[in-house]
Structure formats: C-alpha cells, structure tokens
C-alpha cells in the first residue's frame, strides 16, 4: 500500500489513514475542478473498499490505544491545540477552501475558517463543563442507593460532509465526536476534498494519536460513501447533505442498527409583515437568499410578504439583488460561483422552469457576463420571481441557488399555513415589530430554528437540526453529547 509524507492539499489530494497520507490502493483517481474558473486544478486519489476498511480498522484500533486511555482533560488539551493550529495556519486553510469552493476570500476568511477552529474549541469546553445526572434513591429495605450516569464514546463515527461549507460543517461533527472520545472516518464531498485532507496534517502536528482522524475520498453509491456507511464496524453515521442521499444512507444504517444524525435539505420561508422595518428586512433577506450564492441549507427560497408592503419590498429587494457582483477574486466580489457545472445546470433548469410555471422574472434569471480567467466559472445571476403559485414546483423543491419567489399574503393564519405547507422543516425567519405576533407566529412554525428580525445568528450551544424531510436529531452544545456518547446508568446500593 503506497504511503506519502507530503500534505494532501496541493495538486495531488490523498487519503489520510492511520496518521499517513496514502494513495488509493487501486490507483483510481478523479479530477478536482475550480468552480471559479471551471479549470482542473488537482487529482484526487479515490479510496477503494479495502482502503475504507483500513481507515475504519485504524479508527477502531485507536479506541483501544492511547486515545482510548486518555482522560477527558487530556483529550481536551489536544482538541484545543487543533483549534489553535487551524488559526495558525488560517492562510493555508483559506487557500484550500477558496480553491475548492470558489467563494470570495473575504467570505471564507470571515465565516468558514474561524468557525472551523471555533467548533473544536467550543466542544472542548462543552465536554469539560456539562454535568451528568445523579440521584439518591430510597430502597425497599429502608436503605439508600445512588444512581449516576457516565458518558462513554459511541465508537467509530462515519462523518459524511457536504461541499457548501466544507471545513465548517466537517468540524461541526468531528469536534464533538473527538471531544466525546470517539474516532472518526471522514468522507468529504468529492467536490471539496482539500480542507479535510489538510486537517490531517494539523492532527499530526499536535500529536493526535494515529487512527483517531481518518479521511477517505470518493463518491457515494459504489464508492467510498457506500463502503463507509455499510461497514459493520461503523457505530454511528452523521451526515449533512441532500434529503435523497440521506434516505439512501438510512437504508445502509439499518443493517446492524447504527445511530444516525442527519441535517438535510430545506425550502425555508420568510414571513414579512407590513409593520416590519423594510430596511432591516432587505438587509437580512438579501443575505439569507444570496450568501454563498444561495448554497446554504439555512437560506431562504420562499418569501411571503403582507400585501400592503409587497410592491415596496419587491422594489427594494430588486435593488439589493442587482448590487451583488458575481465573481470570486476581487474585493467587491460577493456572489461566487456555484460548486460545479452540474449544479449550475440544475439551477438554470429551475430558472427556466419558473418562467414555464408563470413567473415574472423581476431580476436575473440567467448567466452573468464575466470576462477574464473567471469566464469559464459556474456562475448564475441572483434572481427574484413574482407571480409563482405556492403550489408550483419552483416554490416547493429545494433549488440551492441565489434565488427566491415572492408571494403576497393577507392574514396571519393564511401565511402560517403557507409557510408550513412543505415537506421540509429546517428554519424560518419572521419579520415584524409586533412582539406578541413575533412570539405567536414563531411558535407556529414547524421548523428546527426560527429567527425573528434576523438570520444566521447562531449560539453554538443551542440545538440545531430540522424536522420532516430536513433531518433527524439535534446537534450543538450539550445536545451533541446525546448523539456522540452512550450513557450508562450505574446504581450502587449504599
């Protein structure tokens, strides 16, 4: 089996197994493309079924090695060092993330990389400060007993990551998994393999025992994803991505009965009441619709506006949409490319379908004119529609692009029904200056997260996840401990 000592984050991107960078055992590779230019920028070594088995075996062995014998304090020290090393090498992670995703540097430097470090640091704190339960109990013979709970690592965790925020969402899972004493095998998206591979170098630099963190590259069905989720030595699976992929993983997880935690798709609504501050609304919704070129699971694709302010909202939102400059390199650039040519084709397909379903294209609806090196990038225009029926496919299916449909409403009860009429239930935003209404409507939303007069404000200690087709389980803060540990009750008769 070939091994490499060089980091797997340049032109050749390797698997990371048991503390070493490795080529795939079959020699099979696939291309890595830059979304900003459409050009090939690297070769990724695909993990075979044997390679994935090696990674899982290394992770299982680490549970019985030095890692499994460490105290919580010793693990926390290592995990905190990982956070510090990510910060020290922020420029390297930034370069890798921008190359893979095409997002503007100032977006990745303010969101992706800082959160990558923060996730490790926060979960190191959570595992150190979250108490377990204990109860004194009377016994039938008049004596006493003490019941107390201990948390134990769940085992080997399969971590399957998306391409929209590769480092951020990967560390959101790896951080708590390691804090709880588990080991991981990470399968990053085939579109964005670089930061997961680079993190292996960080693990080695801080002295993480080999096998604790492993990375295998490849695709889903018939490749690394399927090999990983069907491996019998995987104890739990955590996944962020499309709902259809989540359903396929559930079928694999059912063999052997493994725990799962899924954060899946969404078709998130915004509800704008007539009393809302439209300046704040447009500022917030222009971010929730267009940030990361709409490739955000928490983004907004359905906007319901109370009729008296509908026209004014559309007017202001159109101005905001036109202000976004497609591109990935210059400082003014904000709207980067979509992740791939295939995803660009999908989004443009919805742009065409919207027109076929009766939409008025208020702005956008096509491909922007971009010259120079980025002319071959996977860009689309920021797009707003009116005139779509609530029942149209464009208003019901997740697009994952920089677009939204705007629909008027006349009453609170009506808009609650419209917002909740979906298979998804990830998040919603409510915009109103009426405090009672804000609480009332927010409580009526069938979602995992509801923001009032804001968007994407996150306290990482709170529960995060979706309902319906948007996910299974909750992660964040102490809630993550419920998934990444097994609890044992110990009863001692005194």
Protein backbone atom coordinates (compact mmCIF):
# COMPACT_ATOMS: atom_id res chain seq x y z
CA UNK A 1 0.00 0.00 0.00
CA UNK A 2 1.53 3.34 -1.06
CA UNK A 3 2.13 5.98 1.60
CA UNK A 4 3.09 9.63 1.35
CA UNK A 5 4.67 12.06 3.81
CA UNK A 6 3.66 15.23 1.99
CA UNK A 7 0.42 17.07 2.77
CA UNK A 8 -2.53 16.16 0.55
CA UNK A 9 -3.69 19.67 -0.22
CA UNK A 10 -1.88 20.68 -3.39
CA UNK A 11 -2.23 19.28 -6.91
CA UNK A 12 -2.42 15.70 -5.63
CA UNK A 13 -5.00 15.06 -2.92
CA UNK A 14 -4.55 11.87 -0.94
CA UNK A 15 -6.43 9.83 1.62
CA UNK A 16 -5.34 10.13 5.26
CA UNK A 17 -5.38 6.84 7.14
CA UNK A 18 -3.75 5.98 10.48
CA UNK A 19 -1.75 9.20 10.50
CA UNK A 20 -0.31 8.85 6.97
CA UNK A 21 -1.25 10.20 3.55
CA UNK A 22 -1.96 7.36 1.13
CA UNK A 23 -2.80 6.87 -2.50
CA UNK A 24 -5.79 4.68 -3.26
CA UNK A 25 -4.87 1.01 -3.44
CA UNK A 26 -6.38 0.59 -6.92
CA UNK A 27 -4.71 3.67 -8.42
CA UNK A 28 -8.12 5.10 -9.28
CA UNK A 29 -8.32 8.92 -9.32
CA UNK A 30 -10.74 11.68 -10.21
CA UNK A 31 -10.33 15.33 -11.15
CA UNK A 32 -10.71 18.33 -8.85
CA UNK A 33 -12.06 21.46 -10.55
CA UNK A 34 -12.02 25.14 -9.56
CA UNK A 35 -15.62 26.44 -9.60
CA UNK A 36 -14.36 29.98 -10.13
CA UNK A 37 -12.72 29.15 -13.47
CA UNK A 38 -14.00 25.72 -14.47
CA UNK A 39 -10.40 24.54 -14.81
CA UNK A 40 -8.95 21.30 -13.49
CA UNK A 41 -6.68 22.08 -10.52
CA UNK A 42 -5.93 18.72 -8.95
CA UNK A 43 -6.10 14.95 -8.89
CA UNK A 44 -7.87 13.16 -6.04
CA UNK A 45 -6.95 9.60 -5.12
CA UNK A 46 -10.16 7.62 -4.68
CA UNK A 47 -10.37 5.22 -1.74
CA UNK A 48 -11.22 1.63 -2.58
CA UNK A 49 -13.36 -0.61 -0.38
CA UNK A 50 -10.13 -2.02 1.07
CA UNK A 51 -8.85 1.49 1.82
CA UNK A 52 -12.08 2.39 3.61
CA UNK A 53 -11.85 -0.84 5.59
CA UNK A 54 -8.29 0.11 6.57
CA UNK A 55 -9.48 3.53 7.75
CA UNK A 56 -12.27 2.01 9.83
CA UNK A 57 -9.88 -0.57 11.28
CA UNK A 58 -7.41 2.19 12.18
CA UNK A 59 -10.18 4.16 13.88
CA UNK A 60 -11.32 1.08 15.81
CA UNK A 61 -7.76 0.27 16.88
CA UNK A 62 -7.28 3.83 18.14
CA UNK A 63 -10.20 3.36 20.54
CA UNK A 64 -8.18 0.63 22.25
CA UNK A 65 -4.89 2.53 22.05
CA UNK A 66 -3.55 5.67 23.72
CA UNK A 67 -6.60 7.70 22.66
CA UNK A 68 -8.99 5.38 24.45
CA UNK A 69 -6.91 5.55 27.62
CA UNK A 70 -6.79 9.37 27.77
CA UNK A 71 -8.73 11.33 30.35
CA UNK A 72 -11.21 13.96 29.25
CA UNK A 73 -8.72 16.65 30.27
CA UNK A 74 -6.02 15.10 28.07
CA UNK A 75 -8.38 14.90 25.09
CA UNK A 76 -9.50 18.48 25.62
CA UNK A 77 -5.90 19.66 25.58
CA UNK A 78 -5.30 18.00 22.21
CA UNK A 79 -8.57 19.25 20.72
CA UNK A 80 -7.85 22.80 21.87
CA UNK A 81 -4.44 22.52 20.22
CA UNK A 82 -6.17 21.57 16.96
CA UNK A 83 -8.17 24.81 17.13
CA UNK A 84 -5.02 26.84 17.74
CA UNK A 85 -3.19 25.14 14.87
CA UNK A 86 -6.06 25.84 12.46
CA UNK A 87 -5.85 29.50 13.44
CA UNK A 88 -2.08 29.49 12.99
CA UNK A 89 -2.48 28.00 9.52
CA UNK A 90 -5.53 30.05 8.60
CA UNK A 91 -3.98 31.18 5.31
CA UNK A 92 -3.42 27.56 4.24
CA UNK A 93 -6.98 26.58 5.07
CA UNK A 94 -8.28 29.71 3.36
CA UNK A 95 -6.38 28.92 0.16
CA UNK A 96 -7.66 25.33 0.17
CA UNK A 97 -11.27 26.35 0.83
CA UNK A 98 -11.28 29.06 -1.84
CA UNK A 99 -9.73 26.72 -4.40
CA UNK A 100 -12.37 24.05 -3.78
CA UNK A 101 -15.48 26.21 -3.44
CA UNK A 102 -14.70 29.34 -5.44
CA UNK A 103 -16.24 31.52 -2.76
CA UNK A 104 -14.76 35.02 -2.33
CA UNK A 105 -11.81 35.10 0.05
CA UNK A 106 -13.40 37.59 2.42
CA UNK A 107 -16.42 35.31 2.84
CA UNK A 108 -14.32 32.23 3.65
CA UNK A 109 -11.97 34.20 5.90
CA UNK A 110 -14.83 35.63 7.98
CA UNK A 111 -17.08 32.55 8.16
CA UNK A 112 -15.57 29.20 7.15
CA UNK A 113 -12.10 29.25 8.68
CA UNK A 114 -12.88 30.94 12.04
CA UNK A 115 -15.81 28.58 12.62
CA UNK A 116 -13.60 25.61 11.77
CA UNK A 117 -11.39 26.47 14.74
CA UNK A 118 -14.27 27.60 16.96
CA UNK A 119 -16.05 24.27 16.61
CA UNK A 120 -13.14 22.41 18.19
CA UNK A 121 -12.70 24.96 20.95
CA UNK A 122 -16.39 25.13 21.81
CA UNK A 123 -16.86 21.37 22.07
CA UNK A 124 -13.71 21.06 24.15
CA UNK A 125 -15.42 23.43 26.58
CA UNK A 126 -18.77 21.63 26.41
CA UNK A 127 -17.36 18.22 27.30
CA UNK A 128 -15.45 19.80 30.19
CA UNK A 129 -18.39 21.65 31.73
CA UNK A 130 -21.54 19.62 31.04
CA UNK A 131 -22.54 17.61 34.12
CA UNK A 132 -24.26 14.24 34.17
CA UNK A 133 -27.19 13.19 36.36
CA UNK A 134 -27.11 11.63 39.82
CA UNK A 135 -29.99 10.71 42.13
CA UNK A 136 -30.21 9.42 45.70
CA UNK A 137 -32.92 6.77 45.94
CA UNK A 138 -34.67 5.05 48.83
CA UNK A 139 -34.61 1.23 48.75
CA UNK A 140 -37.39 -1.18 49.86
CA UNK A 141 -35.40 -2.27 52.90
CA UNK A 142 -35.15 1.28 54.20
CA UNK A 143 -31.67 1.85 52.90
CA UNK A 144 -30.38 4.09 50.16
CA UNK A 145 -28.94 3.76 46.68
CA UNK A 146 -27.10 6.14 44.42
CA UNK A 147 -27.86 6.28 40.70
CA UNK A 148 -25.44 8.17 38.49
CA UNK A 149 -24.80 8.46 34.75
CA UNK A 150 -21.50 8.11 32.93
CA UNK A 151 -20.94 9.02 29.30
CA UNK A 152 -18.90 6.74 27.08
CA UNK A 153 -17.68 7.15 23.49
CA UNK A 154 -20.04 5.67 20.94
CA UNK A 155 -17.15 4.25 18.90
CA UNK A 156 -16.18 4.79 15.27
CA UNK A 157 -18.18 7.60 13.68
CA UNK A 158 -18.67 7.94 9.92
CA UNK A 159 -18.68 11.65 9.07
CA UNK A 160 -20.08 12.43 5.62
CA UNK A 161 -19.73 16.08 4.69
CA UNK A 162 -21.22 18.50 2.14
CA UNK A 163 -19.49 20.87 -0.25
CA UNK A 164 -21.04 24.24 0.63
CA UNK A 165 -19.12 24.89 3.89
CA UNK A 166 -16.59 22.04 3.84
CA UNK A 167 -14.39 22.89 6.84
CA UNK A 168 -17.11 24.47 8.96
CA UNK A 169 -19.60 21.61 8.66
CA UNK A 170 -16.96 18.89 8.88
CA UNK A 171 -15.53 20.26 12.14
CA UNK A 172 -19.07 20.75 13.47
CA UNK A 173 -19.16 16.94 13.53
CA UNK A 174 -15.54 15.98 14.12
CA UNK A 175 -15.19 18.43 17.05
CA UNK A 176 -17.85 16.87 19.30
CA UNK A 177 -17.06 13.35 18.13
CA UNK A 178 -13.45 13.65 19.28
CA UNK A 179 -14.35 15.60 22.42
CA UNK A 180 -16.52 12.66 23.47
CA UNK A 181 -13.67 10.21 22.90
CA UNK A 182 -14.79 8.72 19.58
CA UNK A 183 -12.69 8.22 16.47
CA UNK A 184 -13.78 9.30 13.00
CA UNK A 185 -13.58 8.39 9.35
CA UNK A 186 -14.43 11.46 7.26
CA UNK A 187 -15.74 11.25 3.71
CA UNK A 188 -15.67 14.83 2.37
CA UNK A 189 -17.63 15.75 -0.73
CA UNK A 190 -15.85 14.75 -3.92
CA UNK A 191 -16.19 18.40 -4.95
CA UNK A 192 -14.30 19.77 -1.93
CA UNK A 193 -11.65 17.35 -0.61
CA UNK A 194 -8.89 19.79 0.35
CA UNK A 195 -9.57 21.07 3.86
CA UNK A 196 -10.44 17.63 5.23
CA UNK A 197 -7.11 16.37 3.90
CA UNK A 198 -5.22 19.37 5.27
CA UNK A 199 -6.69 18.79 8.72
CA UNK A 200 -4.77 15.52 8.82
CA UNK A 201 -1.55 17.50 8.83
CA UNK A 202 -2.86 19.53 11.77
CA UNK A 203 -3.72 16.35 13.66
CA UNK A 204 -0.19 15.07 13.22
CA UNK A 205 1.30 18.42 14.21
CA UNK A 206 -0.49 18.49 17.58
CA UNK A 207 0.30 14.85 18.36
CA UNK A 208 -3.12 13.32 17.82
CA UNK A 209 -2.73 9.52 18.02
CA UNK A 210 -2.85 7.79 14.66
CA UNK A 211 -6.23 6.44 13.65
CA UNK A 212 -8.25 8.99 15.60
CA UNK A 213 -8.87 11.08 12.47
CA UNK A 214 -9.05 9.48 9.01
CA UNK A 215 -10.12 10.77 5.58
CA UNK A 216 -11.25 8.75 2.57
CA UNK A 217 -12.06 10.33 -0.78
CA UNK A 218 -14.64 9.27 -3.31
CA UNK A 219 -18.27 9.36 -4.30
CA UNK A 220 -21.47 7.89 -2.88
CA UNK A 221 -23.02 4.76 -4.38
CA UNK A 222 -20.42 2.16 -5.35
CA UNK A 223 -17.62 4.26 -3.88
CA UNK A 224 -16.22 5.49 -0.56
CA UNK A 225 -19.56 6.75 0.75
CA UNK A 226 -21.30 3.41 0.36
CA UNK A 227 -18.24 1.46 1.52
CA UNK A 228 -18.14 3.57 4.69
CA UNK A 229 -21.82 3.53 5.62
CA UNK A 230 -22.13 -0.22 5.01
CA UNK A 231 -19.01 -1.15 7.01
CA UNK A 232 -20.17 -3.22 10.01
CA UNK A 233 -17.60 -1.64 12.35
CA UNK A 234 -19.14 1.83 11.98
CA UNK A 235 -21.06 2.61 15.17
CA UNK A 236 -22.84 5.80 14.08
CA UNK A 237 -23.26 7.95 10.98
CA UNK A 238 -23.56 11.73 10.83
CA UNK A 239 -24.40 13.34 7.51
CA UNK A 240 -25.18 16.77 6.09
CA UNK A 241 -26.48 16.96 2.54
CA UNK A 242 -29.41 16.31 0.24
CA UNK A 243 -32.51 14.56 1.53
CA UNK A 244 -32.34 11.87 -1.15
CA UNK A 245 -28.79 10.96 -0.16
CA UNK A 246 -29.86 10.86 3.47
CA UNK A 247 -32.58 8.36 2.63
CA UNK A 248 -30.04 6.12 0.89
CA UNK A 249 -27.72 6.30 3.91
CA UNK A 250 -30.61 5.38 6.22
CA UNK A 251 -31.03 2.13 4.31
CA UNK A 252 -27.36 1.29 4.85
CA UNK A 253 -27.52 2.32 8.51
CA UNK A 254 -30.44 -0.03 9.13
CA UNK A 255 -28.14 -3.01 8.57
CA UNK A 256 -26.66 -3.56 12.01
CA UNK A 257 -28.84 -0.79 13.52
CA UNK A 258 -26.46 2.19 13.71
CA UNK A 259 -27.34 5.58 15.17
CA UNK A 260 -27.79 8.40 12.66
CA UNK A 261 -27.81 12.20 12.80
CA UNK A 262 -28.88 13.96 9.60
CA UNK A 263 -29.06 17.62 8.61
CA UNK A 264 -30.78 17.56 5.24
CA UNK A 265 -32.43 19.90 2.75
CA UNK A 266 -34.81 22.79 3.21
CA UNK A 267 -37.21 25.10 1.43
CA UNK A 268 -37.10 27.78 4.06
CA UNK A 269 -39.77 30.50 4.32
CA UNK A 270 -39.51 34.14 5.31
CA UNK A 271 -42.63 35.92 6.55
CA UNK A 272 -42.65 39.72 6.24
CA UNK A 273 -45.46 41.59 7.99
CA UNK A 274 -46.50 45.11 6.99
CA UNK A 275 -45.18 46.63 10.22
CA UNK A 276 -41.65 45.30 9.68
CA UNK A 277 -38.70 47.65 9.22
CA UNK A 278 -38.11 47.10 5.49
CA UNK A 279 -34.54 48.35 5.63
CA UNK A 280 -33.70 45.61 8.14
CA UNK A 281 -35.77 43.07 6.23
CA UNK A 282 -34.00 43.66 2.93
CA UNK A 283 -30.60 43.69 4.60
CA UNK A 284 -31.34 40.36 6.30
CA UNK A 285 -33.09 38.61 3.44
CA UNK A 286 -30.57 39.69 0.84
CA UNK A 287 -28.04 37.76 2.93
CA UNK A 288 -30.28 34.76 3.51
CA UNK A 289 -31.11 34.48 -0.20
CA UNK A 290 -27.73 35.27 -1.76
CA UNK A 291 -24.99 34.40 0.77
CA UNK A 292 -22.67 31.72 -0.62
CA UNK A 293 -24.60 32.02 -3.91
CA UNK A 294 -27.65 30.54 -2.23
CA UNK A 295 -25.79 27.34 -1.36
CA UNK A 296 -26.77 27.45 2.31
CA UNK A 297 -29.07 24.91 3.91
CA UNK A 298 -30.48 27.70 6.09
CA UNK A 299 -31.02 30.05 3.15
CA UNK A 300 -34.38 31.49 2.13
CA UNK A 301 -36.10 30.42 -1.11
CA UNK A 302 -39.73 31.35 -0.25
CA UNK A 303 -40.70 34.89 0.81
CA UNK A 304 -44.25 35.74 1.88
CA UNK A 305 -44.93 39.48 2.16
CA UNK A 306 -48.05 41.11 3.58
CA UNK A 307 -49.89 42.73 0.69
CA UNK A 308 -49.70 46.44 1.77
CA UNK A 309 -45.87 46.39 1.52
CA UNK A 310 -45.48 43.77 -1.21
CA UNK A 311 -44.62 46.14 -4.07
CA UNK A 312 -42.23 48.21 -1.96
CA UNK A 313 -40.46 45.09 -0.71
CA UNK A 314 -40.02 43.75 -4.26
CA UNK A 315 -38.66 47.11 -5.37
CA UNK A 316 -36.09 47.27 -2.57
CA UNK A 317 -35.11 43.62 -2.83
CA UNK A 318 -34.52 44.07 -6.56
CA UNK A 319 -32.08 46.89 -5.87
CA UNK A 320 -30.29 44.69 -3.34
CA UNK A 321 -30.08 41.76 -5.76
CA UNK A 322 -28.62 43.90 -8.52
CA UNK A 323 -25.92 45.15 -6.14
CA UNK A 324 -24.36 41.70 -5.86
CA UNK A 325 -21.37 41.37 -8.17
CA UNK A 326 -20.73 37.86 -9.47
CA UNK A 327 -17.08 36.89 -9.20
CA UNK A 328 -14.67 35.28 -6.81
CA UNK A 329 -11.40 37.19 -6.81
CA UNK A 330 -11.79 40.94 -6.39
CA UNK A 331 -12.63 42.64 -3.09
CA UNK A 332 -16.02 43.90 -4.33
CA UNK A 333 -16.96 40.39 -5.39
CA UNK A 334 -19.56 38.75 -3.21
CA UNK A 335 -21.53 36.30 -5.33
CA UNK A 336 -19.15 33.46 -6.09
CA UNK A 337 -19.79 30.54 -8.44
CA UNK A 338 -21.94 27.51 -7.90
CA UNK A 339 -19.99 24.42 -6.94
CA UNK A 340 -19.99 22.60 -10.29
CA UNK A 341 -21.14 22.60 -13.88
CA UNK A 342 -23.78 20.01 -12.93
CA UNK A 343 -25.17 22.20 -10.18
CA UNK A 344 -25.15 25.23 -12.47
CA UNK A 345 -27.20 23.23 -14.97
CA UNK A 346 -29.64 22.24 -12.22
CA UNK A 347 -30.15 25.82 -11.02
CA UNK A 348 -30.55 27.16 -14.55
CA UNK A 349 -33.10 24.41 -15.12
CA UNK A 350 -35.15 25.83 -12.27
CA UNK A 351 -34.72 29.33 -13.70
CA UNK A 352 -36.29 28.09 -16.95
CA UNK A 353 -38.97 26.13 -15.13
CA UNK A 354 -40.00 29.21 -13.14
CA UNK A 355 -40.83 31.03 -16.36
CA UNK A 356 -42.72 28.00 -17.64
CA UNK A 357 -44.73 27.95 -14.42
CA UNK A 358 -45.81 31.56 -14.87
CA UNK A 359 -43.17 33.55 -13.01
CA UNK A 360 -42.36 37.17 -13.69
CA UNK A 361 -38.57 37.45 -13.63
CA UNK A 362 -38.03 40.65 -11.66
CA UNK A 363 -34.26 40.46 -11.99
CA UNK A 364 -31.67 37.90 -13.05
CA UNK A 365 -32.70 34.56 -14.46
CA UNK A 366 -29.59 33.69 -16.45
CA UNK A 367 -25.80 33.57 -16.59
CA UNK A 368 -23.84 36.79 -15.95
CA UNK A 369 -21.33 38.10 -18.45
CA UNK A 370 -17.91 37.57 -16.88
CA UNK A 371 -14.61 38.05 -18.69
CA UNK A 372 -11.05 37.01 -18.00
CA UNK A 373 -9.98 33.96 -16.01
CA UNK A 374 -13.43 33.50 -14.48
CA UNK A 375 -15.28 33.36 -17.81
CA UNK A 376 -15.50 29.57 -17.54
CA UNK A 377 -16.68 29.58 -13.93
CA UNK A 378 -20.03 28.20 -12.82
CA UNK A 379 -21.87 31.48 -12.24
CA UNK A 380 -25.56 32.35 -12.31
CA UNK A 381 -27.37 35.64 -11.78
CA UNK A 382 -29.08 36.49 -8.49
CA UNK A 383 -32.75 36.06 -9.30
CA UNK A 384 -36.14 37.17 -7.95
CA UNK A 385 -39.54 35.99 -9.14
CA UNK A 386 -43.09 37.10 -8.54
CA UNK A 387 -46.27 35.55 -9.90
CA UNK A 388 -45.48 31.96 -8.96
CA UNK A 389 -48.22 29.86 -7.40
CA UNK A 390 -47.48 28.50 -3.96
CA UNK A 391 -48.09 25.00 -5.38
CA UNK A 392 -45.56 25.38 -8.21
CA UNK A 393 -42.54 23.08 -8.18
CA UNK A 394 -40.18 26.06 -8.02
CA UNK A 395 -41.80 27.09 -4.73
CA UNK A 396 -41.77 23.56 -3.30
CA UNK A 397 -38.45 21.98 -4.34
CA UNK A 398 -35.05 22.94 -2.95
CA UNK A 399 -33.00 24.74 -5.62
CA UNK A 400 -29.85 25.64 -3.64
CA UNK A 401 -29.10 28.71 -5.73
CA UNK A 402 -29.26 32.53 -5.35
CA UNK A 403 -32.98 32.90 -5.97
CA UNK A 404 -36.37 33.23 -4.32
CA UNK A 405 -40.03 33.56 -5.17
CA UNK A 406 -42.04 36.35 -3.52
CA UNK A 407 -45.75 35.82 -2.81
CA UNK A 408 -48.25 38.22 -1.15
CA UNK A 409 -50.48 37.23 1.79
CA UNK A 410 -53.42 38.85 3.58
CA UNK A 411 -53.67 37.33 7.06
CA UNK A 412 -51.60 35.77 9.81
CA UNK A 413 -53.43 32.45 9.65
CA UNK A 414 -53.01 32.31 5.88
CA UNK A 415 -49.26 32.84 5.97
CA UNK A 416 -48.72 30.32 8.77
CA UNK A 417 -50.46 27.76 6.58
CA UNK A 418 -48.38 28.70 3.54
CA UNK A 419 -45.09 28.64 5.43
CA UNK A 420 -45.79 25.22 6.94
CA UNK A 421 -47.13 23.67 3.73
CA UNK A 422 -43.90 21.88 2.84
CA UNK A 423 -42.19 18.53 3.30
CA UNK A 424 -39.24 20.34 4.88
CA UNK A 425 -38.80 21.93 8.29
CA UNK A 426 -35.30 23.31 8.73
CA UNK A 427 -35.70 27.01 9.51
CA UNK A 428 -37.81 30.14 9.04
CA UNK A 429 -37.49 33.89 9.54
CA UNK A 430 -40.24 36.19 10.86
CA UNK A 431 -40.10 39.95 10.32
CA UNK A 432 -42.37 42.15 12.44
CA UNK A 433 -42.20 44.92 15.04
CA UNK A 434 -45.12 43.39 16.99
CA UNK A 435 -43.59 41.39 19.85
CA UNK A 436 -46.71 39.34 20.60
CA UNK A 437 -47.10 38.42 16.94
CA UNK A 438 -43.42 37.53 16.71
CA UNK A 439 -43.70 35.00 19.55
CA UNK A 440 -47.03 33.68 18.32
CA UNK A 441 -46.01 33.10 14.71
CA UNK A 442 -42.55 31.79 15.57
CA UNK A 443 -44.10 29.16 17.85
CA UNK A 444 -46.40 28.14 14.98
CA UNK A 445 -43.55 27.40 12.57
CA UNK A 446 -42.87 23.69 12.11
CA UNK A 447 -39.09 24.06 11.93
CA UNK A 448 -35.96 23.37 13.93
CA UNK A 449 -34.80 27.01 14.03
CA UNK A 450 -36.85 30.20 13.75
CA UNK A 451 -35.25 33.64 13.64
CA UNK A 452 -37.15 36.84 14.39
CA UNK A 453 -35.90 40.05 12.73
CA UNK A 454 -32.55 38.43 11.95
CA UNK A 455 -30.95 35.50 10.17
CA UNK A 456 -27.99 33.22 10.82
CA UNK A 457 -27.38 34.46 14.35
CA UNK A 458 -26.08 31.30 15.99
CA UNK A 459 -25.21 30.42 19.55
CA UNK A 460 -23.33 27.16 19.09
CA UNK A 461 -24.61 25.88 22.45
CA UNK A 462 -28.20 25.68 21.20
CA UNK A 463 -29.91 22.74 19.50
CA UNK A 464 -29.62 22.68 15.71
CA UNK A 465 -31.46 20.43 13.28
CA UNK A 466 -34.59 20.08 11.20
CA UNK A 467 -37.94 18.33 11.19
CA UNK A 468 -39.73 16.45 8.42
CA UNK A 469 -37.51 15.86 5.40
CA UNK A 470 -34.95 18.31 6.81
CA UNK A 471 -33.27 15.94 9.20
CA UNK A 472 -33.13 13.62 12.17
CA UNK A 473 -31.72 14.57 15.56
CA UNK A 474 -30.21 17.71 17.04
CA UNK A 475 -26.59 18.78 17.42
CA UNK A 476 -24.95 21.76 19.09
CA UNK A 477 -23.60 22.32 22.60
CA UNK A 478 -24.63 19.65 25.09
CA UNK A 479 -27.19 18.34 22.57
CA UNK A 480 -24.31 16.87 20.55
CA UNK A 481 -23.34 14.74 23.53
CA UNK A 482 -26.62 12.86 23.21
CA UNK A 483 -25.56 11.59 19.80
CA UNK A 484 -21.81 11.17 20.23
CA UNK A 485 -21.94 9.27 23.54
CA UNK A 486 -23.61 6.26 25.06
CA UNK A 487 -24.98 6.86 28.55
CA UNK A 488 -24.77 4.20 31.23
CA UNK A 489 -26.71 4.37 34.49
CA UNK A 490 -24.85 2.90 37.45
CA UNK A 491 -26.84 2.05 40.58
CA UNK A 492 -24.92 1.45 43.82
CA UNK A 493 -26.71 0.26 46.96
CA UNK A 494 -25.27 2.13 49.90
